[in-house]
Amino acid sequence: MKRQLVLNKGAEKFIFRYENGSEDELLDALIDQARDARTNFDWFDAAVLSFKLTQLLVGQANELLGENRNAQFSKN
């Protein structure tokens, strides 16, 4: 499943698209962009998007845990 993180920064928009399960590659891309002096994407921007990614992953984990709990209760 394709996912994306978007950062609006003034007149600029940074869009990072990634496959579910390749979040580590996304984090590497955020680091590369922050290191690149040719872009207006800085370390704070990378931190904001990595925090957003973490929130998304926690939400997905909570959904999976909830589904597993519901499945266990319905078996009993």
PDB file of N, CA and C in Angstrom:
ATOM      1  N   MET A   1       0.838  -1.175   0.000  1.00  0.00           N
ATOM      2  CA  MET A   1       0.000   0.000   0.000  1.00  0.00           C
ATOM      3  C   MET A   1       0.886   1.243   0.000  1.00  0.00           C
ATOM      4  N   LYS A   2       0.607   2.173  -0.889  1.00  0.00           N
ATOM      5  CA  LYS A   2       1.353   3.432  -0.955  1.00  0.00           C
ATOM      6  C   LYS A   2       0.848   4.385   0.123  1.00  0.00           C
ATOM      7  N   ARG A   3       1.782   5.043   0.753  1.00  0.00           N
ATOM      8  CA  ARG A   3       1.467   6.055   1.768  1.00  0.00           C
ATOM      9  C   ARG A   3       2.277   7.304   1.433  1.00  0.00           C
ATOM     10  N   GLN A   4       1.933   8.405   2.083  1.00  0.00           N
ATOM     11  CA  GLN A   4       2.725   9.612   1.879  1.00  0.00           C
ATOM     12  C   GLN A   4       2.678  10.490   3.109  1.00  0.00           C
ATOM     13  N   LEU A   5       3.756  11.218   3.299  1.00  0.00           N
ATOM     14  CA  LEU A   5       3.850  12.270   4.304  1.00  0.00           C
ATOM     15  C   LEU A   5       4.057  13.574   3.561  1.00  0.00           C
ATOM     16  N   VAL A   6       3.353  14.610   3.997  1.00  0.00           N
ATOM     17  CA  VAL A   6       3.415  15.907   3.324  1.00  0.00           C
ATOM     18  C   VAL A   6       3.771  16.974   4.346  1.00  0.00           C
ATOM     19  N   LEU A   7       4.675  17.847   3.953  1.00  0.00           N
ATOM     20  CA  LEU A   7       5.037  18.998   4.773  1.00  0.00           C
ATOM     21  C   LEU A   7       4.876  20.245   3.927  1.00  0.00           C
ATOM     22  N   ASN A   8       4.027  21.142   4.371  1.00  0.00           N
ATOM     23  CA  ASN A   8       3.880  22.456   3.732  1.00  0.00           C
ATOM     24  C   ASN A   8       4.770  23.428   4.497  1.00  0.00           C
ATOM     25  N   LYS A   9       5.660  24.066   3.767  1.00  0.00           N
ATOM     26  CA  LYS A   9       6.600  25.007   4.379  1.00  0.00           C
ATOM     27  C   LYS A   9       6.610  26.265   3.537  1.00  0.00           C
ATOM     28  N   GLY A  10       5.833  27.248   3.973  1.00  0.00           N
ATOM     29  CA  GLY A  10       5.700  28.466   3.188  1.00  0.00           C
ATOM     30  C   GLY A  10       5.060  28.141   1.854  1.00  0.00           C
ATOM     31  N   ALA A  11       5.707  28.562   0.788  1.00  0.00           N
ATOM     32  CA  ALA A  11       5.193  28.297  -0.558  1.00  0.00           C
ATOM     33  C   ALA A  11       5.610  26.918  -1.071  1.00  0.00           C
ATOM     34  N   GLU A  12       6.463  26.231  -0.314  1.00  0.00           N
ATOM     35  CA  GLU A  12       6.958  24.927  -0.749  1.00  0.00           C
ATOM     36  C   GLU A  12       6.137  23.799  -0.136  1.00  0.00           C
ATOM     37  N   LYS A  13       6.101  22.694  -0.859  1.00  0.00           N
ATOM     38  CA  LYS A  13       5.439  21.491  -0.370  1.00  0.00           C
ATOM     39  C   LYS A  13       6.391  20.326  -0.591  1.00  0.00           C
ATOM     40  N   PHE A  14       6.681  19.605   0.485  1.00  0.00           N
ATOM     41  CA  PHE A  14       7.541  18.431   0.414  1.00  0.00           C
ATOM     42  C   PHE A  14       6.658  17.204   0.567  1.00  0.00           C
ATOM     43  N   ILE A  15       6.706  16.324  -0.430  1.00  0.00           N
ATOM     44  CA  ILE A  15       5.886  15.121  -0.425  1.00  0.00           C
ATOM     45  C   ILE A  15       6.818  13.920  -0.467  1.00  0.00           C
ATOM     46  N   PHE A  16       6.671  13.046   0.512  1.00  0.00           N
ATOM     47  CA  PHE A  16       7.460  11.822   0.572  1.00  0.00           C
ATOM     48  C   PHE A  16       6.503  10.644   0.462  1.00  0.00           C
ATOM     49  N   ARG A  17       6.637   9.883  -0.610  1.00  0.00           N
ATOM     50  CA  ARG A  17       5.807   8.698  -0.830  1.00  0.00           C
ATOM     51  C   ARG A  17       6.627   7.461  -0.496  1.00  0.00           C
ATOM     52  N   TYR A  18       5.968   6.499   0.125  1.00  0.00           N
ATOM     53  CA  TYR A  18       6.674   5.287   0.521  1.00  0.00           C
ATOM     54  C   TYR A  18       5.704   4.112   0.584  1.00  0.00           C
ATOM     55  N   GLU A  19       6.266   2.932   0.507  1.00  0.00           N
ATOM     56  CA  GLU A  19       5.492   1.707   0.614  1.00  0.00           C
ATOM     57  C   GLU A  19       5.356   1.343   2.087  1.00  0.00           C
ATOM     58  N   ASN A  20       4.224   0.774   2.434  1.00  0.00           N
ATOM     59  CA  ASN A  20       4.039   0.261   3.776  1.00  0.00           C
ATOM     60  C   ASN A  20       5.133  -0.771   4.050  1.00  0.00           C
ATOM     61  N   GLY A  21       5.842  -0.626   5.150  1.00  0.00           N
ATOM     62  CA  GLY A  21       6.938  -1.533   5.481  1.00  0.00           C
ATOM     63  C   GLY A  21       8.313  -0.995   5.126  1.00  0.00           C
ATOM     64  N   SER A  22       8.374   0.126   4.416  1.00  0.00           N
ATOM     65  CA  SER A  22       9.680   0.706   4.050  1.00  0.00           C
ATOM     66  C   SER A  22       9.906   2.033   4.772  1.00  0.00           C
ATOM     67  N   GLU A  23       9.425   2.098   6.007  1.00  0.00           N
ATOM     68  CA  GLU A  23       9.562   3.331   6.786  1.00  0.00           C
ATOM     69  C   GLU A  23      11.019   3.667   7.064  1.00  0.00           C
ATOM     70  N   ASP A  24      11.870   2.638   7.175  1.00  0.00           N
ATOM     71  CA  ASP A  24      13.292   2.905   7.400  1.00  0.00           C
ATOM     72  C   ASP A  24      13.913   3.647   6.219  1.00  0.00           C
ATOM     73  N   GLU A  25      13.493   3.310   5.007  1.00  0.00           N
ATOM     74  CA  GLU A  25      13.981   4.017   3.823  1.00  0.00           C
ATOM     75  C   GLU A  25      13.463   5.457   3.795  1.00  0.00           C
ATOM     76  N   LEU A  26      12.247   5.650   4.265  1.00  0.00           N
ATOM     77  CA  LEU A  26      11.697   7.005   4.355  1.00  0.00           C
ATOM     78  C   LEU A  26      12.522   7.844   5.321  1.00  0.00           C
ATOM     79  N   LEU A  27      12.869   7.279   6.463  1.00  0.00           N
ATOM     80  CA  LEU A  27      13.693   8.020   7.430  1.00  0.00           C
ATOM     81  C   LEU A  27      15.052   8.372   6.825  1.00  0.00           C
ATOM     82  N   ASP A  28      15.625   7.453   6.070  1.00  0.00           N
ATOM     83  CA  ASP A  28      16.892   7.753   5.379  1.00  0.00           C
ATOM     84  C   ASP A  28      16.720   8.904   4.393  1.00  0.00           C
ATOM     85  N   ALA A  29      15.595   8.933   3.684  1.00  0.00           N
ATOM     86  CA  ALA A  29      15.322  10.009   2.719  1.00  0.00           C
ATOM     87  C   ALA A  29      15.162  11.348   3.438  1.00  0.00           C
ATOM     88  N   LEU A  30      14.523  11.340   4.606  1.00  0.00           N
ATOM     89  CA  LEU A  30      14.378  12.583   5.379  1.00  0.00           C
ATOM     90  C   LEU A  30      15.748  13.108   5.797  1.00  0.00           C
ATOM     91  N   ILE A  31      16.612  12.204   6.220  1.00  0.00           N
ATOM     92  CA  ILE A  31      17.971  12.596   6.615  1.00  0.00           C
ATOM     93  C   ILE A  31      18.731  13.161   5.419  1.00  0.00           C
ATOM     94  N   ASP A  32      18.632  12.486   4.290  1.00  0.00           N
ATOM     95  CA  ASP A  32      19.316  12.964   3.079  1.00  0.00           C
ATOM     96  C   ASP A  32      18.849  14.363   2.690  1.00  0.00           C
ATOM     97  N   GLN A  33      17.544  14.610   2.773  1.00  0.00           N
ATOM     98  CA  GLN A  33      17.013  15.929   2.430  1.00  0.00           C
ATOM     99  C   GLN A  33      17.500  16.988   3.407  1.00  0.00           C
ATOM    100  N   ALA A  34      17.543  16.649   4.692  1.00  0.00           N
ATOM    101  CA  ALA A  34      18.000  17.622   5.696  1.00  0.00           C
ATOM    102  C   ALA A  34      19.478  17.962   5.499  1.00  0.00           C
ATOM    103  N   ARG A  35      20.260  17.009   5.043  1.00  0.00           N
ATOM    104  CA  ARG A  35      21.697  17.231   4.811  1.00  0.00           C
ATOM    105  C   ARG A  35      21.973  18.018   3.533  1.00  0.00           C
ATOM    106  N   ASP A  36      21.031  18.013   2.620  1.00  0.00           N
ATOM    107  CA  ASP A  36      21.222  18.636   1.306  1.00  0.00           C
ATOM    108  C   ASP A  36      21.034  20.152   1.421  1.00  0.00           C
ATOM    109  N   ALA A  37      22.100  20.882   1.295  1.00  0.00           N
ATOM    110  CA  ALA A  37      22.061  22.348   1.434  1.00  0.00           C
ATOM    111  C   ALA A  37      21.313  23.023   0.283  1.00  0.00           C
ATOM    112  N   ARG A  38      21.042  22.277  -0.794  1.00  0.00           N
ATOM    113  CA  ARG A  38      20.338  22.862  -1.942  1.00  0.00           C
ATOM    114  C   ARG A  38      18.828  22.960  -1.709  1.00  0.00           C
ATOM    115  N   THR A  39      18.334  22.325  -0.643  1.00  0.00           N
ATOM    116  CA  THR A  39      16.895  22.371  -0.364  1.00  0.00           C
ATOM    117  C   THR A  39      16.621  23.231   0.864  1.00  0.00           C
ATOM    118  N   ASN A  40      15.391  23.610   1.014  1.00  0.00           N
ATOM    119  CA  ASN A  40      14.956  24.394   2.166  1.00  0.00           C
ATOM    120  C   ASN A  40      14.422  23.478   3.262  1.00  0.00           C
ATOM    121  N   PHE A  41      14.636  22.180   3.133  1.00  0.00           N
ATOM    122  CA  PHE A  41      14.204  21.175   4.099  1.00  0.00           C
ATOM    123  C   PHE A  41      15.305  21.025   5.135  1.00  0.00           C
ATOM    124  N   ASP A  42      14.991  21.300   6.406  1.00  0.00           N
ATOM    125  CA  ASP A  42      16.031  21.282   7.434  1.00  0.00           C
ATOM    126  C   ASP A  42      15.775  20.171   8.461  1.00  0.00           C
ATOM    127  N   TRP A  43      16.620  20.144   9.493  1.00  0.00           N
ATOM    128  CA  TRP A  43      16.523  19.093  10.505  1.00  0.00           C
ATOM    129  C   TRP A  43      15.225  19.173  11.294  1.00  0.00           C
ATOM    130  N   PHE A  44      14.720  20.363  11.520  1.00  0.00           N
ATOM    131  CA  PHE A  44      13.436  20.494  12.213  1.00  0.00           C
ATOM    132  C   PHE A  44      12.330  19.865  11.383  1.00  0.00           C
ATOM    133  N   ASP A  45      12.353  20.102  10.081  1.00  0.00           N
ATOM    134  CA  ASP A  45      11.361  19.505   9.184  1.00  0.00           C
ATOM    135  C   ASP A  45      11.439  17.977   9.239  1.00  0.00           C
ATOM    136  N   ALA A  46      12.661  17.454   9.227  1.00  0.00           N
ATOM    137  CA  ALA A  46      12.853  16.000   9.315  1.00  0.00           C
ATOM    138  C   ALA A  46      12.298  15.467  10.634  1.00  0.00           C
ATOM    139  N   ALA A  47      12.519  16.207  11.716  1.00  0.00           N
ATOM    140  CA  ALA A  47      12.011  15.789  13.024  1.00  0.00           C
ATOM    141  C   ALA A  47      10.485  15.798  13.052  1.00  0.00           C
ATOM    142  N   VAL A  48       9.887  16.817  12.461  1.00  0.00           N
ATOM    143  CA  VAL A  48       8.424  16.912  12.424  1.00  0.00           C
ATOM    144  C   VAL A  48       7.840  15.725  11.661  1.00  0.00           C
ATOM    145  N   LEU A  49       8.401  15.427  10.501  1.00  0.00           N
ATOM    146  CA  LEU A  49       7.863  14.318   9.710  1.00  0.00           C
ATOM    147  C   LEU A  49       8.160  12.960  10.339  1.00  0.00           C
ATOM    148  N   SER A  50       9.299  12.819  10.988  1.00  0.00           N
ATOM    149  CA  SER A  50       9.581  11.537  11.643  1.00  0.00           C
ATOM    150  C   SER A  50       8.649  11.339  12.840  1.00  0.00           C
ATOM    151  N   PHE A  51       8.295  12.418  13.533  1.00  0.00           N
ATOM    152  CA  PHE A  51       7.320  12.332  14.626  1.00  0.00           C
ATOM    153  C   PHE A  51       5.949  11.955  14.077  1.00  0.00           C
ATOM    154  N   LYS A  52       5.578  12.554  12.964  1.00  0.00           N
ATOM    155  CA  LYS A  52       4.305  12.237  12.320  1.00  0.00           C
ATOM    156  C   LYS A  52       4.268  10.766  11.897  1.00  0.00           C
ATOM    157  N   LEU A  53       5.381  10.279  11.353  1.00  0.00           N
ATOM    158  CA  LEU A  53       5.479   8.881  10.957  1.00  0.00           C
ATOM    159  C   LEU A  53       5.329   7.973  12.179  1.00  0.00           C
ATOM    160  N   THR A  54       5.980   8.331  13.271  1.00  0.00           N
ATOM    161  CA  THR A  54       5.870   7.544  14.497  1.00  0.00           C
ATOM    162  C   THR A  54       4.427   7.480  14.976  1.00  0.00           C
ATOM    163  N   GLN A  55       3.720   8.606  14.931  1.00  0.00           N
ATOM    164  CA  GLN A  55       2.310   8.625  15.334  1.00  0.00           C
ATOM    165  C   GLN A  55       1.482   7.701  14.444  1.00  0.00           C
ATOM    166  N   LEU A  56       1.742   7.712  13.145  1.00  0.00           N
ATOM    167  CA  LEU A  56       1.014   6.833  12.226  1.00  0.00           C
ATOM    168  C   LEU A  56       1.278   5.366  12.549  1.00  0.00           C
ATOM    169  N   LEU A  57       2.537   5.028  12.827  1.00  0.00           N
ATOM    170  CA  LEU A  57       2.889   3.646  13.137  1.00  0.00           C
ATOM    171  C   LEU A  57       2.271   3.192  14.451  1.00  0.00           C
ATOM    172  N   VAL A  58       2.247   4.062  15.446  1.00  0.00           N
ATOM    173  CA  VAL A  58       1.616   3.727  16.725  1.00  0.00           C
ATOM    174  C   VAL A  58       0.117   3.500  16.514  1.00  0.00           C
ATOM    175  N   GLY A  59      -0.506   4.341  15.706  1.00  0.00           N
ATOM    176  CA  GLY A  59      -1.923   4.166  15.399  1.00  0.00           C
ATOM    177  C   GLY A  59      -2.198   2.843  14.711  1.00  0.00           C
ATOM    178  N   GLN A  60      -1.335   2.471  13.764  1.00  0.00           N
ATOM    179  CA  GLN A  60      -1.496   1.183  13.078  1.00  0.00           C
ATOM    180  C   GLN A  60      -1.323   0.023  14.053  1.00  0.00           C
ATOM    181  N   ALA A  61      -0.344   0.128  14.942  1.00  0.00           N
ATOM    182  CA  ALA A  61      -0.110  -0.927  15.928  1.00  0.00           C
ATOM    183  C   ALA A  61      -1.311  -1.063  16.854  1.00  0.00           C
ATOM    184  N   ASN A  62      -1.869   0.060  17.277  1.00  0.00           N
ATOM    185  CA  ASN A  62      -3.046   0.011  18.147  1.00  0.00           C
ATOM    186  C   ASN A  62      -4.236  -0.639  17.449  1.00  0.00           C
ATOM    187  N   GLU A  63      -4.401  -0.351  16.171  1.00  0.00           N
ATOM    188  CA  GLU A  63      -5.480  -0.983  15.408  1.00  0.00           C
ATOM    189  C   GLU A  63      -5.286  -2.486  15.349  1.00  0.00           C
ATOM    190  N   LEU A  64      -4.055  -2.928  15.093  1.00  0.00           N
ATOM    191  CA  LEU A  64      -3.771  -4.359  15.030  1.00  0.00           C
ATOM    192  C   LEU A  64      -4.003  -5.028  16.374  1.00  0.00           C
ATOM    193  N   LEU A  65      -3.585  -4.371  17.436  1.00  0.00           N
ATOM    194  CA  LEU A  65      -3.804  -4.926  18.771  1.00  0.00           C
ATOM    195  C   LEU A  65      -5.288  -5.032  19.076  1.00  0.00           C
ATOM    196  N   GLY A  66      -6.040  -4.015  18.678  1.00  0.00           N
ATOM    197  CA  GLY A  66      -7.485  -4.038  18.894  1.00  0.00           C
ATOM    198  C   GLY A  66      -8.148  -5.152  18.112  1.00  0.00           C
ATOM    199  N   GLU A  67      -7.707  -5.374  16.880  1.00  0.00           N
ATOM    200  CA  GLU A  67      -8.264  -6.456  16.068  1.00  0.00           C
ATOM    201  C   GLU A  67      -7.940  -7.805  16.685  1.00  0.00           C
ATOM    202  N   ASN A  68      -6.709  -7.956  17.194  1.00  0.00           N
ATOM    203  CA  ASN A  68      -6.326  -9.221  17.822  1.00  0.00           C
ATOM    204  C   ASN A  68      -7.129  -9.478  19.085  1.00  0.00           C
ATOM    205  N   ARG A  69      -7.379  -8.450  19.879  1.00  0.00           N
ATOM    206  CA  ARG A  69      -8.192  -8.608  21.089  1.00  0.00           C
ATOM    207  C   ARG A  69      -9.608  -9.013  20.730  1.00  0.00           C
ATOM    208  N   ASN A  70     -10.177  -8.342  19.730  1.00  0.00           N
ATOM    209  CA  ASN A  70     -11.536  -8.676  19.304  1.00  0.00           C
ATOM    210  C   ASN A  70     -11.613 -10.104  18.790  1.00  0.00           C
ATOM    211  N   ALA A  71     -10.605 -10.560  18.055  1.00  0.00           N
ATOM    212  CA  ALA A  71     -10.581 -11.921  17.522  1.00  0.00           C
ATOM    213  C   ALA A  71     -10.501 -12.924  18.659  1.00  0.00           C
ATOM    214  N   GLN A  72      -9.716 -12.614  19.697  1.00  0.00           N
ATOM    215  CA  GLN A  72      -9.589 -13.519  20.838  1.00  0.00           C
ATOM    216  C   GLN A  72     -10.907 -13.622  21.582  1.00  0.00           C
ATOM    217  N   PHE A  73     -11.594 -12.504  21.767  1.00  0.00           N
ATOM    218  CA  PHE A  73     -12.852 -12.525  22.497  1.00  0.00           C
ATOM    219  C   PHE A  73     -13.941 -13.265  21.726  1.00  0.00           C
ATOM    220  N   SER A  74     -13.923 -13.162  20.407  1.00  0.00           N
ATOM    221  CA  SER A  74     -14.940 -13.821  19.631  1.00  0.00           C
ATOM    222  C   SER A  74     -14.725 -15.324  19.550  1.00  0.00           C
ATOM    223  N   LYS A  75     -13.496 -15.802  19.806  1.00  0.00           N
ATOM    224  CA  LYS A  75     -13.215 -17.230  19.811  1.00  0.00           C
ATOM    225  C   LYS A  75     -13.753 -17.891  21.070  1.00  0.00           C
ATOM    226  N   ASN A  76     -13.800 -17.156  22.156  1.00  0.00           N
ATOM    227  CA  ASN A  76     -14.209 -17.726  23.441  1.00  0.00           C
ATOM    228  C   ASN A  76     -15.676 -17.873  23.569  1.00  0.00           C
TER     229      ASN A  76
END
